[in-house]
Structures are given as C-alpha cells and as structure tokens.
Amino acid sequence: MRLIGASVDASVPKWQEPCNGTALEWERDFLRSLSLPSMFQQDFIVRQVQQLAEVLARVLFHKRAADEAEAQEALSNGLAAALGLGLDALRTLSRDGLVARYAPEGAMSVEMAVAVAEVLQEDAQRAGRLRALWLYEAALASGAPVPFDIHERIDLLREELG
C-alpha cells in the first residue's frame, strides 16, 4: 500500500496519482498540488480574525457594563471557539510556543498574532496580557505591516506589567 503524497512516478502530478485514502485526503493533496493553499489559508485567517473581533466586541460590551466575570467568560469561551485553544492553555504557553503557533513554516501570520493579542490584552490576569505583549512584539519584529499604533500598545502593556 502506498502512502498519500509518495510519488510513484516523478513525471505524474500528485493530484493524478491513485489514492487509497479518503476523499478528504485526496482533496487536500489536490489543492496542495495546485499551489493554492495560501489563498485558502488566507481565507481561514480572515474568518478567524473576524471571529476574534466578535469575541473582542463581546468582552468589551461586558467590561463596559462593569461585569468582569461575564467578560472573562466571553473571553475564555470565545478564544476556545475561535482558536480551538482555551484561555487557560494560552496563558501557559511559553513565548516561543505562543509565537510558533502564529508562525507556521517560519512565516509569521501577523494578522492572527495581532488579533489574538488584542483579545488577550483584555484578560484580567497578568499572564494573558503578557502573552499579548509577546505577540505584539513578535508581529513588530516580523517586519510585516502592523497596526500604526502597535508601539503604543506595546508601551501600554509594558507599563501595566511593570
């Protein structure tokens, strides 16, 4: 039995090779062979950023209503739904582990890093805000376009965290 992606003949494109796997595996391999994953990845990132914006809006709504417990619950539930990783898990990630989540294959997804940082900046616990700082710093260091006020965000977090 041949593994998916293992080429039988180098002259045959992967998407034309026989597949013993599932339809999803074949579709995944086909899309990769077309060199389109960046478009699909970008769509996925845009959807996640939109979800994170909704999470941030809910958190800020509860904070303005002076309901910190509801704000933290919205933050935790929203992050888990949008990222598949809960707030407690994010708080425990090391700096390198956190940054690596948003730099697959070495290319930093600045949009995702900044969106997650914006949400984590609203965390009541220091650990969440520290991770927001790390993500902002990594986004800035990536050399990619960043929000115009990223230096102010970093300075504010550094001041808060002492």
N, C-alpha and C. Protein backbone atom coordinates (compact mmCIF):
# COMPACT_ATOMS: atom_id res chain seq x y z
N MET A 1 0.84 -1.18 0.00
CA MET A 1 0.00 0.00 0.00
C MET A 1 0.89 1.24 0.00
N ARG A 2 0.57 2.18 -0.82
CA ARG A 2 1.36 3.40 -0.99
C ARG A 2 0.78 4.51 -0.12
N LEU A 3 1.65 5.29 0.48
CA LEU A 3 1.23 6.45 1.26
C LEU A 3 0.83 7.59 0.34
N ILE A 4 -0.15 8.36 0.77
CA ILE A 4 -0.56 9.54 0.00
C ILE A 4 0.59 10.52 -0.02
N GLY A 5 0.84 11.08 -1.18
CA GLY A 5 1.91 12.05 -1.32
C GLY A 5 3.23 11.43 -1.75
N ALA A 6 3.35 10.10 -1.60
CA ALA A 6 4.56 9.44 -2.06
C ALA A 6 4.43 9.23 -3.56
N SER A 7 5.34 9.73 -4.29
CA SER A 7 5.24 9.72 -5.74
C SER A 7 5.66 8.37 -6.31
N VAL A 8 4.79 7.82 -7.18
CA VAL A 8 5.12 6.60 -7.89
C VAL A 8 6.04 6.93 -9.05
N ASP A 9 5.69 7.99 -9.76
CA ASP A 9 6.45 8.43 -10.92
C ASP A 9 6.58 9.94 -10.82
N ALA A 10 7.79 10.45 -10.82
CA ALA A 10 8.02 11.89 -10.64
C ALA A 10 7.39 12.72 -11.74
N SER A 11 7.12 12.12 -12.91
CA SER A 11 6.53 12.88 -14.01
C SER A 11 5.02 13.01 -13.89
N VAL A 12 4.41 12.28 -12.96
CA VAL A 12 2.96 12.33 -12.76
C VAL A 12 2.67 13.28 -11.61
N PRO A 13 1.84 14.32 -11.84
CA PRO A 13 1.49 15.23 -10.75
C PRO A 13 0.78 14.47 -9.63
N LYS A 14 0.97 14.93 -8.41
CA LYS A 14 0.39 14.24 -7.25
C LYS A 14 -1.12 14.10 -7.36
N TRP A 15 -1.79 15.09 -7.93
CA TRP A 15 -3.25 15.03 -7.97
C TRP A 15 -3.75 13.98 -8.96
N GLN A 16 -2.87 13.49 -9.86
CA GLN A 16 -3.27 12.46 -10.80
C GLN A 16 -2.91 11.06 -10.31
N GLU A 17 -2.15 10.99 -9.23
CA GLU A 17 -1.75 9.70 -8.69
C GLU A 17 -2.96 9.01 -8.08
N PRO A 18 -2.96 7.67 -8.11
CA PRO A 18 -4.05 6.95 -7.45
C PRO A 18 -3.98 7.19 -5.94
N CYS A 19 -5.13 7.18 -5.31
CA CYS A 19 -5.19 7.47 -3.88
C CYS A 19 -5.96 6.37 -3.18
N ASN A 20 -5.37 5.80 -2.17
CA ASN A 20 -6.05 4.78 -1.37
C ASN A 20 -6.66 5.37 -0.12
N GLY A 21 -6.52 6.69 0.08
CA GLY A 21 -7.03 7.35 1.27
C GLY A 21 -8.46 7.82 1.10
N THR A 22 -8.88 8.67 2.00
CA THR A 22 -10.24 9.20 1.96
C THR A 22 -10.35 10.30 0.92
N ALA A 23 -11.58 10.69 0.64
CA ALA A 23 -11.81 11.79 -0.30
C ALA A 23 -11.20 13.08 0.23
N LEU A 24 -11.24 13.27 1.54
CA LEU A 24 -10.66 14.49 2.12
C LEU A 24 -9.14 14.52 1.92
N GLU A 25 -8.50 13.38 2.07
CA GLU A 25 -7.06 13.33 1.85
C GLU A 25 -6.74 13.65 0.39
N TRP A 26 -7.52 13.07 -0.54
CA TRP A 26 -7.30 13.34 -1.95
C TRP A 26 -7.50 14.82 -2.25
N GLU A 27 -8.57 15.41 -1.71
CA GLU A 27 -8.84 16.83 -1.95
C GLU A 27 -7.71 17.70 -1.39
N ARG A 28 -7.24 17.38 -0.20
CA ARG A 28 -6.15 18.13 0.41
C ARG A 28 -4.90 18.06 -0.46
N ASP A 29 -4.56 16.86 -0.91
CA ASP A 29 -3.38 16.70 -1.76
C ASP A 29 -3.56 17.41 -3.10
N PHE A 30 -4.75 17.35 -3.65
CA PHE A 30 -5.03 18.03 -4.91
C PHE A 30 -4.85 19.53 -4.77
N LEU A 31 -5.40 20.09 -3.72
CA LEU A 31 -5.28 21.54 -3.51
C LEU A 31 -3.83 21.95 -3.29
N ARG A 32 -3.09 21.13 -2.57
CA ARG A 32 -1.66 21.43 -2.38
C ARG A 32 -0.91 21.39 -3.70
N SER A 33 -1.29 20.45 -4.59
CA SER A 33 -0.59 20.34 -5.87
C SER A 33 -0.85 21.55 -6.75
N LEU A 34 -1.95 22.25 -6.53
CA LEU A 34 -2.26 23.43 -7.32
C LEU A 34 -1.56 24.68 -6.81
N SER A 35 -0.87 24.58 -5.71
CA SER A 35 -0.18 25.71 -5.08
C SER A 35 -1.15 26.81 -4.69
N LEU A 36 -2.32 26.41 -4.23
CA LEU A 36 -3.33 27.38 -3.80
C LEU A 36 -3.52 27.46 -2.29
N PRO A 37 -2.79 26.71 -1.49
CA PRO A 37 -3.11 26.74 -0.07
C PRO A 37 -2.99 28.13 0.54
N SER A 38 -2.15 28.97 -0.02
CA SER A 38 -2.02 30.30 0.58
C SER A 38 -3.33 31.07 0.49
N MET A 39 -4.08 30.91 -0.61
CA MET A 39 -5.37 31.57 -0.75
C MET A 39 -6.35 31.01 0.28
N PHE A 40 -6.39 29.69 0.44
CA PHE A 40 -7.29 29.08 1.39
C PHE A 40 -6.87 29.40 2.82
N GLN A 41 -5.56 29.40 3.06
CA GLN A 41 -5.08 29.77 4.39
C GLN A 41 -5.46 31.20 4.71
N GLN A 42 -5.36 32.09 3.72
CA GLN A 42 -5.72 33.49 3.94
C GLN A 42 -7.21 33.62 4.26
N ASP A 43 -8.06 32.86 3.55
CA ASP A 43 -9.49 32.87 3.85
C ASP A 43 -9.75 32.39 5.27
N PHE A 44 -9.04 31.34 5.66
CA PHE A 44 -9.18 30.79 7.01
C PHE A 44 -8.76 31.83 8.04
N ILE A 45 -7.65 32.50 7.79
CA ILE A 45 -7.17 33.53 8.72
C ILE A 45 -8.17 34.67 8.82
N VAL A 46 -8.72 35.09 7.70
CA VAL A 46 -9.71 36.17 7.71
C VAL A 46 -10.91 35.77 8.55
N ARG A 47 -11.38 34.53 8.40
CA ARG A 47 -12.53 34.07 9.20
C ARG A 47 -12.18 34.06 10.69
N GLN A 48 -10.99 33.59 11.02
CA GLN A 48 -10.59 33.57 12.43
C GLN A 48 -10.46 34.98 12.99
N VAL A 49 -9.91 35.89 12.22
CA VAL A 49 -9.78 37.28 12.68
C VAL A 49 -11.17 37.88 12.90
N GLN A 50 -12.12 37.57 12.03
CA GLN A 50 -13.49 38.05 12.21
C GLN A 50 -14.10 37.48 13.48
N GLN A 51 -13.86 36.21 13.74
CA GLN A 51 -14.37 35.59 14.97
C GLN A 51 -13.75 36.26 16.19
N LEU A 52 -12.46 36.54 16.12
CA LEU A 52 -11.78 37.19 17.24
C LEU A 52 -12.30 38.60 17.45
N ALA A 53 -12.64 39.30 16.38
CA ALA A 53 -13.22 40.64 16.51
C ALA A 53 -14.57 40.56 17.22
N GLU A 54 -15.35 39.54 16.92
CA GLU A 54 -16.62 39.35 17.60
C GLU A 54 -16.41 39.04 19.08
N VAL A 55 -15.41 38.22 19.37
CA VAL A 55 -15.07 37.92 20.77
C VAL A 55 -14.70 39.20 21.50
N LEU A 56 -13.84 40.00 20.88
CA LEU A 56 -13.42 41.26 21.49
C LEU A 56 -14.61 42.18 21.74
N ALA A 57 -15.53 42.25 20.80
CA ALA A 57 -16.71 43.10 20.97
C ALA A 57 -17.54 42.62 22.16
N ARG A 58 -17.73 41.31 22.32
CA ARG A 58 -18.50 40.79 23.46
C ARG A 58 -17.79 41.09 24.78
N VAL A 59 -16.48 40.91 24.79
CA VAL A 59 -15.71 41.16 26.02
C VAL A 59 -15.82 42.64 26.40
N LEU A 60 -15.63 43.52 25.43
CA LEU A 60 -15.72 44.96 25.72
C LEU A 60 -17.12 45.37 26.15
N PHE A 61 -18.14 44.75 25.59
CA PHE A 61 -19.53 45.03 26.00
C PHE A 61 -19.71 44.72 27.48
N HIS A 62 -19.24 43.56 27.90
CA HIS A 62 -19.38 43.17 29.31
C HIS A 62 -18.52 44.05 30.22
N LYS A 63 -17.35 44.44 29.75
CA LYS A 63 -16.50 45.32 30.56
C LYS A 63 -17.15 46.68 30.76
N ARG A 64 -17.77 47.20 29.70
CA ARG A 64 -18.45 48.50 29.82
C ARG A 64 -19.64 48.41 30.74
N ALA A 65 -20.24 47.23 30.83
CA ALA A 65 -21.36 47.02 31.74
C ALA A 65 -20.87 46.67 33.14
N ALA A 66 -19.57 46.78 33.36
CA ALA A 66 -18.93 46.50 34.66
C ALA A 66 -19.19 45.08 35.12
N ASP A 67 -19.24 44.16 34.20
CA ASP A 67 -19.45 42.75 34.52
C ASP A 67 -18.20 41.97 34.14
N GLU A 68 -17.19 42.05 35.00
CA GLU A 68 -15.89 41.45 34.72
C GLU A 68 -15.98 39.93 34.60
N ALA A 69 -16.83 39.30 35.41
CA ALA A 69 -16.96 37.84 35.34
C ALA A 69 -17.50 37.40 33.98
N GLU A 70 -18.51 38.10 33.49
CA GLU A 70 -19.06 37.78 32.16
C GLU A 70 -18.03 38.07 31.06
N ALA A 71 -17.26 39.14 31.24
CA ALA A 71 -16.23 39.48 30.26
C ALA A 71 -15.19 38.36 30.17
N GLN A 72 -14.77 37.85 31.32
CA GLN A 72 -13.77 36.77 31.32
C GLN A 72 -14.35 35.48 30.74
N GLU A 73 -15.62 35.22 31.01
CA GLU A 73 -16.26 34.04 30.44
C GLU A 73 -16.37 34.16 28.92
N ALA A 74 -16.75 35.35 28.45
CA ALA A 74 -16.83 35.59 26.99
C ALA A 74 -15.45 35.45 26.36
N LEU A 75 -14.43 35.93 27.05
CA LEU A 75 -13.05 35.83 26.56
C LEU A 75 -12.63 34.36 26.45
N SER A 76 -12.85 33.62 27.50
CA SER A 76 -12.45 32.21 27.52
C SER A 76 -13.21 31.39 26.49
N ASN A 77 -14.53 31.53 26.47
CA ASN A 77 -15.35 30.76 25.53
C ASN A 77 -15.07 31.17 24.08
N GLY A 78 -14.89 32.46 23.86
CA GLY A 78 -14.64 32.95 22.51
C GLY A 78 -13.31 32.49 21.95
N LEU A 79 -12.28 32.52 22.77
CA LEU A 79 -10.97 32.05 22.32
C LEU A 79 -11.01 30.56 22.01
N ALA A 80 -11.69 29.80 22.86
CA ALA A 80 -11.79 28.35 22.63
C ALA A 80 -12.52 28.07 21.33
N ALA A 81 -13.59 28.83 21.06
CA ALA A 81 -14.36 28.61 19.83
C ALA A 81 -13.58 29.06 18.59
N ALA A 82 -12.91 30.18 18.69
CA ALA A 82 -12.21 30.73 17.52
C ALA A 82 -10.89 30.02 17.22
N LEU A 83 -10.18 29.64 18.27
CA LEU A 83 -8.83 29.10 18.09
C LEU A 83 -8.71 27.61 18.38
N GLY A 84 -9.71 27.07 19.06
CA GLY A 84 -9.60 25.68 19.48
C GLY A 84 -8.64 25.52 20.63
N LEU A 85 -8.30 26.61 21.28
CA LEU A 85 -7.39 26.61 22.41
C LEU A 85 -7.93 27.58 23.44
N GLY A 86 -8.17 27.09 24.63
CA GLY A 86 -8.77 27.91 25.67
C GLY A 86 -7.83 28.94 26.25
N LEU A 87 -8.41 29.85 27.00
CA LEU A 87 -7.65 30.92 27.63
C LEU A 87 -6.61 30.37 28.59
N ASP A 88 -6.98 29.38 29.38
CA ASP A 88 -6.01 28.80 30.33
C ASP A 88 -4.81 28.20 29.61
N ALA A 89 -5.07 27.53 28.49
CA ALA A 89 -3.98 26.94 27.71
C ALA A 89 -3.10 28.03 27.11
N LEU A 90 -3.70 29.09 26.60
CA LEU A 90 -2.91 30.20 26.05
C LEU A 90 -2.04 30.84 27.12
N ARG A 91 -2.59 30.97 28.32
CA ARG A 91 -1.82 31.59 29.42
C ARG A 91 -0.60 30.78 29.81
N THR A 92 -0.59 29.51 29.53
CA THR A 92 0.53 28.66 29.95
C THR A 92 1.59 28.48 28.87
N LEU A 93 1.31 28.92 27.64
CA LEU A 93 2.30 28.76 26.57
C LEU A 93 3.54 29.60 26.83
N SER A 94 4.68 29.04 26.48
CA SER A 94 5.92 29.81 26.56
C SER A 94 5.93 30.83 25.43
N ARG A 95 6.84 31.78 25.52
CA ARG A 95 6.94 32.80 24.47
C ARG A 95 7.18 32.14 23.11
N ASP A 96 8.14 31.23 23.04
CA ASP A 96 8.45 30.56 21.78
C ASP A 96 7.27 29.72 21.29
N GLY A 97 6.61 29.03 22.21
CA GLY A 97 5.46 28.21 21.83
C GLY A 97 4.30 29.04 21.30
N LEU A 98 4.07 30.17 21.93
CA LEU A 98 2.99 31.06 21.51
C LEU A 98 3.28 31.65 20.14
N VAL A 99 4.48 32.17 19.96
CA VAL A 99 4.85 32.79 18.69
C VAL A 99 4.84 31.74 17.58
N ALA A 100 5.28 30.52 17.87
CA ALA A 100 5.32 29.46 16.87
C ALA A 100 3.92 29.11 16.37
N ARG A 101 2.90 29.26 17.22
CA ARG A 101 1.52 28.98 16.78
C ARG A 101 1.09 29.90 15.64
N TYR A 102 1.67 31.09 15.59
CA TYR A 102 1.27 32.07 14.57
C TYR A 102 2.38 32.31 13.55
N ALA A 103 3.32 31.39 13.52
CA ALA A 103 4.39 31.45 12.51
C ALA A 103 4.60 30.06 11.93
N PRO A 104 3.54 29.48 11.32
CA PRO A 104 3.73 28.16 10.73
C PRO A 104 4.71 28.22 9.57
N GLU A 105 5.56 27.25 9.50
CA GLU A 105 6.58 27.18 8.45
C GLU A 105 7.45 28.43 8.42
N GLY A 106 7.61 29.07 9.57
CA GLY A 106 8.50 30.21 9.69
C GLY A 106 7.94 31.55 9.26
N ALA A 107 6.78 31.58 8.63
CA ALA A 107 6.19 32.84 8.16
C ALA A 107 5.14 33.31 9.16
N MET A 108 5.40 34.43 9.78
CA MET A 108 4.52 34.97 10.82
C MET A 108 3.19 35.41 10.21
N SER A 109 2.10 34.96 10.81
CA SER A 109 0.77 35.45 10.44
C SER A 109 0.47 36.64 11.34
N VAL A 110 0.90 37.79 10.90
CA VAL A 110 0.79 39.00 11.70
C VAL A 110 -0.67 39.31 12.01
N GLU A 111 -1.56 39.09 11.05
CA GLU A 111 -2.97 39.37 11.27
C GLU A 111 -3.51 38.57 12.45
N MET A 112 -3.19 37.28 12.47
CA MET A 112 -3.66 36.42 13.57
C MET A 112 -2.99 36.80 14.88
N ALA A 113 -1.69 37.02 14.84
CA ALA A 113 -0.97 37.36 16.07
C ALA A 113 -1.54 38.63 16.69
N VAL A 114 -1.78 39.64 15.87
CA VAL A 114 -2.32 40.91 16.38
C VAL A 114 -3.75 40.72 16.88
N ALA A 115 -4.56 39.96 16.15
CA ALA A 115 -5.95 39.74 16.57
C ALA A 115 -6.00 39.01 17.91
N VAL A 116 -5.19 37.98 18.07
CA VAL A 116 -5.15 37.26 19.35
C VAL A 116 -4.63 38.17 20.44
N ALA A 117 -3.61 38.97 20.14
CA ALA A 117 -3.07 39.91 21.14
C ALA A 117 -4.12 40.91 21.59
N GLU A 118 -4.92 41.42 20.65
CA GLU A 118 -5.97 42.38 21.01
C GLU A 118 -6.96 41.78 21.99
N VAL A 119 -7.29 40.51 21.78
CA VAL A 119 -8.22 39.84 22.68
C VAL A 119 -7.55 39.57 24.02
N LEU A 120 -6.33 39.04 23.99
CA LEU A 120 -5.62 38.73 25.24
C LEU A 120 -5.32 39.98 26.06
N GLN A 121 -5.23 41.11 25.41
CA GLN A 121 -4.96 42.36 26.12
C GLN A 121 -6.09 42.68 27.10
N GLU A 122 -7.27 42.13 26.86
CA GLU A 122 -8.42 42.36 27.74
C GLU A 122 -8.51 41.36 28.88
N ASP A 123 -7.56 40.43 28.96
CA ASP A 123 -7.58 39.43 30.03
C ASP A 123 -7.34 40.11 31.38
N ALA A 124 -8.10 39.67 32.37
CA ALA A 124 -7.94 40.23 33.71
C ALA A 124 -6.66 39.73 34.37
N GLN A 125 -6.16 38.60 33.92
CA GLN A 125 -4.95 38.06 34.53
C GLN A 125 -3.70 38.54 33.79
N ARG A 126 -2.65 38.73 34.56
CA ARG A 126 -1.38 39.21 34.03
C ARG A 126 -0.83 38.29 32.94
N ALA A 127 -0.99 36.98 33.12
CA ALA A 127 -0.44 36.01 32.16
C ALA A 127 -1.00 36.23 30.75
N GLY A 128 -2.27 36.53 30.65
CA GLY A 128 -2.86 36.77 29.33
C GLY A 128 -2.33 38.04 28.71
N ARG A 129 -2.22 39.11 29.50
CA ARG A 129 -1.71 40.37 28.97
C ARG A 129 -0.24 40.26 28.60
N LEU A 130 0.52 39.45 29.33
CA LEU A 130 1.93 39.22 28.99
C LEU A 130 2.03 38.53 27.63
N ARG A 131 1.16 37.57 27.38
CA ARG A 131 1.18 36.90 26.08
C ARG A 131 0.76 37.85 24.96
N ALA A 132 -0.14 38.78 25.26
CA ALA A 132 -0.49 39.81 24.27
C ALA A 132 0.75 40.62 23.92
N LEU A 133 1.51 41.01 24.93
CA LEU A 133 2.74 41.76 24.69
C LEU A 133 3.70 40.97 23.81
N TRP A 134 3.87 39.69 24.10
CA TRP A 134 4.77 38.85 23.31
C TRP A 134 4.33 38.80 21.85
N LEU A 135 3.03 38.67 21.62
CA LEU A 135 2.54 38.60 20.24
C LEU A 135 2.73 39.93 19.51
N TYR A 136 2.46 41.04 20.20
CA TYR A 136 2.70 42.35 19.57
C TYR A 136 4.17 42.52 19.21
N GLU A 137 5.06 42.13 20.13
CA GLU A 137 6.50 42.26 19.87
C GLU A 137 6.93 41.38 18.70
N ALA A 138 6.39 40.16 18.63
CA ALA A 138 6.74 39.25 17.53
C ALA A 138 6.22 39.80 16.20
N ALA A 139 5.02 40.37 16.21
CA ALA A 139 4.46 40.94 14.99
C ALA A 139 5.32 42.09 14.51
N LEU A 140 5.74 42.95 15.43
CA LEU A 140 6.59 44.08 15.08
C LEU A 140 7.94 43.61 14.55
N ALA A 141 8.50 42.60 15.18
CA ALA A 141 9.82 42.08 14.78
C ALA A 141 9.77 41.36 13.44
N SER A 142 8.59 40.94 13.01
CA SER A 142 8.49 40.18 11.75
C SER A 142 8.81 41.03 10.52
N GLY A 143 8.68 42.35 10.66
CA GLY A 143 8.94 43.22 9.52
C GLY A 143 7.75 43.37 8.60
N ALA A 144 6.68 42.67 8.87
CA ALA A 144 5.45 42.78 8.07
C ALA A 144 4.67 44.02 8.50
N PRO A 145 3.73 44.46 7.68
CA PRO A 145 2.89 45.60 8.08
C PRO A 145 2.14 45.30 9.38
N VAL A 146 2.14 46.27 10.26
CA VAL A 146 1.48 46.13 11.57
C VAL A 146 0.59 47.34 11.81
N PRO A 147 -0.30 47.26 12.79
CA PRO A 147 -1.14 48.43 13.09
C PRO A 147 -0.28 49.65 13.42
N PHE A 148 -0.76 50.81 13.01
CA PHE A 148 0.02 52.05 13.20
C PHE A 148 0.29 52.35 14.67
N ASP A 149 -0.55 51.86 15.57
CA ASP A 149 -0.39 52.18 17.00
C ASP A 149 0.24 51.03 17.80
N ILE A 150 0.93 50.14 17.13
CA ILE A 150 1.47 48.98 17.82
C ILE A 150 2.49 49.38 18.89
N HIS A 151 3.25 50.43 18.64
CA HIS A 151 4.23 50.88 19.65
C HIS A 151 3.51 51.35 20.91
N GLU A 152 2.39 52.03 20.74
CA GLU A 152 1.61 52.49 21.90
C GLU A 152 1.04 51.30 22.66
N ARG A 153 0.56 50.29 21.94
CA ARG A 153 0.02 49.09 22.59
C ARG A 153 1.11 48.39 23.40
N ILE A 154 2.29 48.27 22.80
CA ILE A 154 3.41 47.62 23.48
C ILE A 154 3.81 48.42 24.72
N ASP A 155 3.94 49.73 24.58
CA ASP A 155 4.31 50.57 25.72
C ASP A 155 3.30 50.49 26.84
N LEU A 156 2.01 50.49 26.49
CA LEU A 156 0.94 50.39 27.49
C LEU A 156 1.03 49.07 28.25
N LEU A 157 1.22 47.99 27.53
CA LEU A 157 1.33 46.69 28.19
C LEU A 157 2.59 46.60 29.05
N ARG A 158 3.69 47.11 28.56
CA ARG A 158 4.92 47.08 29.35
C ARG A 158 4.75 47.86 30.64
N GLU A 159 4.06 49.00 30.56
CA GLU A 159 3.81 49.83 31.74
C GLU A 159 2.89 49.09 32.72
N GLU A 160 1.83 48.47 32.22
CA GLU A 160 0.90 47.73 33.06
C GLU A 160 1.57 46.55 33.75
N LEU A 161 2.43 45.86 33.00
CA LEU A 161 3.05 44.63 33.51
C LEU A 161 4.28 44.91 34.37
N GLY A 162 4.76 46.14 34.30
CA GLY A 162 5.90 46.55 35.12
C GLY A 162 7.13 45.88 34.72
